[in-house]
């Protein structure tokens, strides 16, 4: 999945997913600290191997 740079409703659910918390308040998909994207992609940063959660990034992020 590529970074969802468009702000079309096709990529956003009508209600947030209570299973996926999001604390990135400037993300387009953040809905009251829950993710409202239809799907998310999380990747390792740098060398492609994450040693901790700090080494990961949500590629679905879109700035508001």
PDB file of N, CA and C in Angstrom:
ATOM      1  N   UNK A   1       0.842  -1.168   0.000  1.00  0.00           N
ATOM      2  CA  UNK A   1       0.000   0.000   0.000  1.00  0.00           C
ATOM      3  C   UNK A   1       0.887   1.230   0.000  1.00  0.00           C
ATOM      4  N   UNK A   2       0.558   2.197  -0.793  1.00  0.00           N
ATOM      5  CA  UNK A   2       1.290   3.452  -0.807  1.00  0.00           C
ATOM      6  C   UNK A   2       0.683   4.417   0.191  1.00  0.00           C
ATOM      7  N   UNK A   3       1.435   5.440   0.541  1.00  0.00           N
ATOM      8  CA  UNK A   3       0.944   6.474   1.430  1.00  0.00           C
ATOM      9  C   UNK A   3      -0.310   7.087   0.830  1.00  0.00           C
ATOM     10  N   UNK A   4      -1.374   7.142   1.587  1.00  0.00           N
ATOM     11  CA  UNK A   4      -2.643   7.642   1.096  1.00  0.00           C
ATOM     12  C   UNK A   4      -2.655   9.159   1.147  1.00  0.00           C
ATOM     13  N   UNK A   5      -2.186   9.808   0.088  1.00  0.00           N
ATOM     14  CA  UNK A   5      -2.067  11.255   0.094  1.00  0.00           C
ATOM     15  C   UNK A   5      -3.349  11.975  -0.272  1.00  0.00           C
ATOM     16  N   UNK A   6      -4.310  11.280  -0.817  1.00  0.00           N
ATOM     17  CA  UNK A   6      -5.563  11.963  -1.115  1.00  0.00           C
ATOM     18  C   UNK A   6      -6.454  11.953   0.116  1.00  0.00           C
ATOM     19  N   UNK A   7      -7.358  12.862   0.162  1.00  0.00           N
ATOM     20  CA  UNK A   7      -8.249  12.958   1.314  1.00  0.00           C
ATOM     21  C   UNK A   7      -9.649  12.495   0.937  1.00  0.00           C
ATOM     22  N   UNK A   8      -9.732  11.526   0.052  1.00  0.00           N
ATOM     23  CA  UNK A   8     -11.024  11.008  -0.380  1.00  0.00           C
ATOM     24  C   UNK A   8     -11.659  10.136   0.675  1.00  0.00           C
ATOM     25  N   UNK A   9     -12.971  10.155   0.732  1.00  0.00           N
ATOM     26  CA  UNK A   9     -13.697   9.362   1.710  1.00  0.00           C
ATOM     27  C   UNK A   9     -13.546   7.867   1.471  1.00  0.00           C
ATOM     28  N   UNK A  10     -13.107   7.462   0.288  1.00  0.00           N
ATOM     29  CA  UNK A  10     -12.930   6.037   0.002  1.00  0.00           C
ATOM     30  C   UNK A  10     -11.887   5.414   0.921  1.00  0.00           C
ATOM     31  N   UNK A  11     -10.931   6.198   1.411  1.00  0.00           N
ATOM     32  CA  UNK A  11      -9.874   5.683   2.269  1.00  0.00           C
ATOM     33  C   UNK A  11     -10.183   5.851   3.749  1.00  0.00           C
ATOM     34  N   UNK A  12     -11.260   6.536   4.063  1.00  0.00           N
ATOM     35  CA  UNK A  12     -11.591   6.813   5.449  1.00  0.00           C
ATOM     36  C   UNK A  12     -12.887   6.107   5.816  1.00  0.00           C
ATOM     37  N   UNK A  13     -12.874   5.409   6.949  1.00  0.00           N
ATOM     38  CA  UNK A  13     -14.080   4.738   7.413  1.00  0.00           C
ATOM     39  C   UNK A  13     -15.040   5.791   7.974  1.00  0.00           C
ATOM     40  N   UNK A  14     -16.311   5.451   8.026  1.00  0.00           N
ATOM     41  CA  UNK A  14     -17.298   6.371   8.578  1.00  0.00           C
ATOM     42  C   UNK A  14     -17.232   6.427  10.104  1.00  0.00           C
ATOM     43  N   UNK A  15     -16.675   5.406  10.714  1.00  0.00           N
ATOM     44  CA  UNK A  15     -16.486   5.380  12.170  1.00  0.00           C
ATOM     45  C   UNK A  15     -15.067   4.901  12.439  1.00  0.00           C
ATOM     46  N   UNK A  16     -14.496   5.344  13.553  1.00  0.00           N
ATOM     47  CA  UNK A  16     -13.129   4.927  13.835  1.00  0.00           C
ATOM     48  C   UNK A  16     -13.083   3.478  14.310  1.00  0.00           C
ATOM     49  N   UNK A  17     -11.898   2.903  14.176  1.00  0.00           N
ATOM     50  CA  UNK A  17     -11.645   1.531  14.583  1.00  0.00           C
ATOM     51  C   UNK A  17     -11.161   1.545  16.034  1.00  0.00           C
ATOM     52  N   UNK A  18     -11.943   1.010  16.934  1.00  0.00           N
ATOM     53  CA  UNK A  18     -11.592   1.027  18.354  1.00  0.00           C
ATOM     54  C   UNK A  18     -10.421   0.099  18.687  1.00  0.00           C
ATOM     55  N   UNK A  19      -9.971  -0.698  17.724  1.00  0.00           N
ATOM     56  CA  UNK A  19      -8.835  -1.590  17.949  1.00  0.00           C
ATOM     57  C   UNK A  19      -7.506  -0.931  17.619  1.00  0.00           C
ATOM     58  N   UNK A  20      -7.531   0.187  16.881  1.00  0.00           N
ATOM     59  CA  UNK A  20      -6.292   0.845  16.466  1.00  0.00           C
ATOM     60  C   UNK A  20      -6.243   2.248  17.052  1.00  0.00           C
ATOM     61  N   UNK A  21      -5.432   2.412  18.082  1.00  0.00           N
ATOM     62  CA  UNK A  21      -5.281   3.718  18.719  1.00  0.00           C
ATOM     63  C   UNK A  21      -4.274   4.550  17.947  1.00  0.00           C
ATOM     64  N   UNK A  22      -4.492   5.859  17.915  1.00  0.00           N
ATOM     65  CA  UNK A  22      -3.579   6.770  17.237  1.00  0.00           C
ATOM     66  C   UNK A  22      -3.433   8.041  18.068  1.00  0.00           C
ATOM     67  N   UNK A  23      -2.210   8.389  18.408  1.00  0.00           N
ATOM     68  CA  UNK A  23      -1.947   9.596  19.182  1.00  0.00           C
ATOM     69  C   UNK A  23      -1.294  10.691  18.351  1.00  0.00           C
ATOM     70  N   UNK A  24      -1.291  10.519  17.027  1.00  0.00           N
ATOM     71  CA  UNK A  24      -0.739  11.535  16.135  1.00  0.00           C
ATOM     72  C   UNK A  24      -1.884  12.483  15.786  1.00  0.00           C
ATOM     73  N   UNK A  25      -1.984  13.550  16.545  1.00  0.00           N
ATOM     74  CA  UNK A  25      -3.156  14.425  16.450  1.00  0.00           C
ATOM     75  C   UNK A  25      -3.268  15.172  15.126  1.00  0.00           C
ATOM     76  N   UNK A  26      -2.169  15.295  14.379  1.00  0.00           N
ATOM     77  CA  UNK A  26      -2.256  15.981  13.094  1.00  0.00           C
ATOM     78  C   UNK A  26      -2.431  15.012  11.920  1.00  0.00           C
ATOM     79  N   UNK A  27      -2.731  13.749  12.184  1.00  0.00           N
ATOM     80  CA  UNK A  27      -2.999  12.798  11.110  1.00  0.00           C
ATOM     81  C   UNK A  27      -4.450  12.922  10.661  1.00  0.00           C
ATOM     82  N   UNK A  28      -4.655  12.944   9.352  1.00  0.00           N
ATOM     83  CA  UNK A  28      -5.992  13.035   8.761  1.00  0.00           C
ATOM     84  C   UNK A  28      -6.904  11.917   9.258  1.00  0.00           C
ATOM     85  N   UNK A  29      -6.357  10.738   9.520  1.00  0.00           N
ATOM     86  CA  UNK A  29      -7.156   9.585   9.915  1.00  0.00           C
ATOM     87  C   UNK A  29      -7.400   9.488  11.419  1.00  0.00           C
ATOM     88  N   UNK A  30      -6.836  10.398  12.208  1.00  0.00           N
ATOM     89  CA  UNK A  30      -7.037  10.379  13.653  1.00  0.00           C
ATOM     90  C   UNK A  30      -8.432  10.900  13.966  1.00  0.00           C
ATOM     91  N   UNK A  31      -9.230  10.074  14.594  1.00  0.00           N
ATOM     92  CA  UNK A  31     -10.592  10.424  14.995  1.00  0.00           C
ATOM     93  C   UNK A  31     -10.711  10.154  16.487  1.00  0.00           C
ATOM     94  N   UNK A  32     -10.525  11.183  17.261  1.00  0.00           N
ATOM     95  CA  UNK A  32     -10.603  11.082  18.722  1.00  0.00           C
ATOM     96  C   UNK A  32      -9.656  10.005  19.261  1.00  0.00           C
ATOM     97  N   UNK A  33      -8.426  10.021  18.777  1.00  0.00           N
ATOM     98  CA  UNK A  33      -7.340   9.125  19.178  1.00  0.00           C
ATOM     99  C   UNK A  33      -7.525   7.675  18.727  1.00  0.00           C
ATOM    100  N   UNK A  34      -8.342   7.466  17.705  1.00  0.00           N
ATOM    101  CA  UNK A  34      -8.480   6.164  17.063  1.00  0.00           C
ATOM    102  C   UNK A  34      -8.302   6.354  15.563  1.00  0.00           C
ATOM    103  N   UNK A  35      -7.821   5.319  14.881  1.00  0.00           N
ATOM    104  CA  UNK A  35      -7.569   5.395  13.448  1.00  0.00           C
ATOM    105  C   UNK A  35      -8.857   5.158  12.671  1.00  0.00           C
ATOM    106  N   UNK A  36      -9.115   6.024  11.676  1.00  0.00           N
ATOM    107  CA  UNK A  36     -10.310   5.863  10.847  1.00  0.00           C
ATOM    108  C   UNK A  36      -9.966   5.437   9.420  1.00  0.00           C
ATOM    109  N   UNK A  37      -8.710   5.067   9.157  1.00  0.00           N
ATOM    110  CA  UNK A  37      -8.329   4.594   7.826  1.00  0.00           C
ATOM    111  C   UNK A  37      -8.910   3.201   7.592  1.00  0.00           C
ATOM    112  N   UNK A  38      -9.269   2.906   6.338  1.00  0.00           N
ATOM    113  CA  UNK A  38      -9.784   1.574   5.997  1.00  0.00           C
ATOM    114  C   UNK A  38      -8.736   0.499   6.209  1.00  0.00           C
ATOM    115  N   UNK A  39      -7.473   0.847   6.016  1.00  0.00           N
ATOM    116  CA  UNK A  39      -6.361  -0.085   6.189  1.00  0.00           C
ATOM    117  C   UNK A  39      -5.145   0.732   6.590  1.00  0.00           C
ATOM    118  N   UNK A  40      -4.224   0.106   7.296  1.00  0.00           N
ATOM    119  CA  UNK A  40      -2.986   0.794   7.666  1.00  0.00           C
ATOM    120  C   UNK A  40      -1.794  -0.024   7.205  1.00  0.00           C
ATOM    121  N   UNK A  41      -0.674   0.666   7.050  1.00  0.00           N
ATOM    122  CA  UNK A  41       0.587   0.000   6.722  1.00  0.00           C
ATOM    123  C   UNK A  41       1.639   0.513   7.681  1.00  0.00           C
ATOM    124  N   UNK A  42       2.307  -0.398   8.368  1.00  0.00           N
ATOM    125  CA  UNK A  42       3.369  -0.048   9.304  1.00  0.00           C
ATOM    126  C   UNK A  42       4.646  -0.680   8.785  1.00  0.00           C
ATOM    127  N   UNK A  43       5.691   0.130   8.678  1.00  0.00           N
ATOM    128  CA  UNK A  43       6.972  -0.336   8.149  1.00  0.00           C
ATOM    129  C   UNK A  43       8.094  -0.064   9.138  1.00  0.00           C
ATOM    130  N   UNK A  44       9.178  -0.815   8.966  1.00  0.00           N
ATOM    131  CA  UNK A  44      10.386  -0.561   9.747  1.00  0.00           C
ATOM    132  C   UNK A  44      11.107   0.642   9.153  1.00  0.00           C
ATOM    133  N   UNK A  45      11.728   1.434  10.000  1.00  0.00           N
ATOM    134  CA  UNK A  45      12.502   2.582   9.543  1.00  0.00           C
ATOM    135  C   UNK A  45      13.947   2.166   9.321  1.00  0.00           C
ATOM    136  N   UNK A  46      14.629   2.891   8.474  1.00  0.00           N
ATOM    137  CA  UNK A  46      16.065   2.668   8.285  1.00  0.00           C
ATOM    138  C   UNK A  46      16.385   1.420   7.508  1.00  0.00           C
ATOM    139  N   UNK A  47      17.023   0.445   8.173  1.00  0.00           N
ATOM    140  CA  UNK A  47      17.535  -0.744   7.488  1.00  0.00           C
ATOM    141  C   UNK A  47      16.471  -1.800   7.211  1.00  0.00           C
ATOM    142  N   UNK A  48      15.211  -1.514   7.537  1.00  0.00           N
ATOM    143  CA  UNK A  48      14.131  -2.461   7.267  1.00  0.00           C
ATOM    144  C   UNK A  48      13.904  -3.483   8.352  1.00  0.00           C
ATOM    145  N   UNK A  49      14.631  -3.370   9.460  1.00  0.00           N
ATOM    146  CA  UNK A  49      14.481  -4.302  10.574  1.00  0.00           C
ATOM    147  C   UNK A  49      14.256  -3.506  11.845  1.00  0.00           C
ATOM    148  N   UNK A  50      13.107  -3.688  12.484  1.00  0.00           N
ATOM    149  CA  UNK A  50      12.788  -2.964  13.710  1.00  0.00           C
ATOM    150  C   UNK A  50      13.229  -3.763  14.930  1.00  0.00           C
ATOM    151  N   UNK A  51      13.929  -3.096  15.811  1.00  0.00           N
ATOM    152  CA  UNK A  51      14.357  -3.732  17.058  1.00  0.00           C
ATOM    153  C   UNK A  51      13.383  -3.415  18.189  1.00  0.00           C
ATOM    154  N   UNK A  52      12.707  -2.280  18.087  1.00  0.00           N
ATOM    155  CA  UNK A  52      11.686  -1.864  19.060  1.00  0.00           C
ATOM    156  C   UNK A  52      10.584  -1.135  18.293  1.00  0.00           C
ATOM    157  N   UNK A  53       9.531  -0.768  18.979  1.00  0.00           N
ATOM    158  CA  UNK A  53       8.450  -0.016  18.334  1.00  0.00           C
ATOM    159  C   UNK A  53       8.928   1.350  17.854  1.00  0.00           C
ATOM    160  N   UNK A  54       9.991   1.883  18.458  1.00  0.00           N
ATOM    161  CA  UNK A  54      10.557   3.155  17.998  1.00  0.00           C
ATOM    162  C   UNK A  54      11.124   3.053  16.581  1.00  0.00           C
ATOM    163  N   UNK A  55      11.412   1.857  16.125  1.00  0.00           N
ATOM    164  CA  UNK A  55      11.946   1.651  14.800  1.00  0.00           C
ATOM    165  C   UNK A  55      10.884   1.423  13.735  1.00  0.00           C
ATOM    166  N   UNK A  56       9.635   1.705  14.069  1.00  0.00           N
ATOM    167  CA  UNK A  56       8.538   1.507  13.126  1.00  0.00           C
ATOM    168  C   UNK A  56       7.869   2.839  12.795  1.00  0.00           C
ATOM    169  N   UNK A  57       7.139   2.857  11.691  1.00  0.00           N
ATOM    170  CA  UNK A  57       6.436   4.080  11.269  1.00  0.00           C
ATOM    171  C   UNK A  57       5.152   3.691  10.548  1.00  0.00           C
ATOM    172  N   UNK A  58       4.109   4.464  10.787  1.00  0.00           N
ATOM    173  CA  UNK A  58       2.838   4.262  10.088  1.00  0.00           C
ATOM    174  C   UNK A  58       2.931   4.955   8.731  1.00  0.00           C
ATOM    175  N   UNK A  59       2.956   4.181   7.673  1.00  0.00           N
ATOM    176  CA  UNK A  59       3.046   4.727   6.323  1.00  0.00           C
ATOM    177  C   UNK A  59       1.715   5.251   5.808  1.00  0.00           C
ATOM    178  N   UNK A  60       0.655   5.021   6.552  1.00  0.00           N
ATOM    179  CA  UNK A  60      -0.671   5.498   6.177  1.00  0.00           C
ATOM    180  C   UNK A  60      -0.852   6.967   6.553  1.00  0.00           C
ATOM    181  N   UNK A  61       0.016   7.481   7.403  1.00  0.00           N
ATOM    182  CA  UNK A  61      -0.079   8.866   7.888  1.00  0.00           C
ATOM    183  C   UNK A  61      -0.247   9.870   6.756  1.00  0.00           C
ATOM    184  N   UNK A  62      -1.211  10.772   6.918  1.00  0.00           N
ATOM    185  CA  UNK A  62      -1.411  11.904   6.012  1.00  0.00           C
ATOM    186  C   UNK A  62      -1.611  13.129   6.902  1.00  0.00           C
ATOM    187  N   UNK A  63      -0.822  14.152   6.680  1.00  0.00           N
ATOM    188  CA  UNK A  63      -0.939  15.380   7.469  1.00  0.00           C
ATOM    189  C   UNK A  63      -2.271  16.068   7.164  1.00  0.00           C
ATOM    190  N   UNK A  64      -2.898  16.577   8.204  1.00  0.00           N
ATOM    191  CA  UNK A  64      -4.180  17.293   8.005  1.00  0.00           C
ATOM    192  C   UNK A  64      -3.988  18.549   7.230  1.00  0.00           C
TER     193      UNK A  64
END
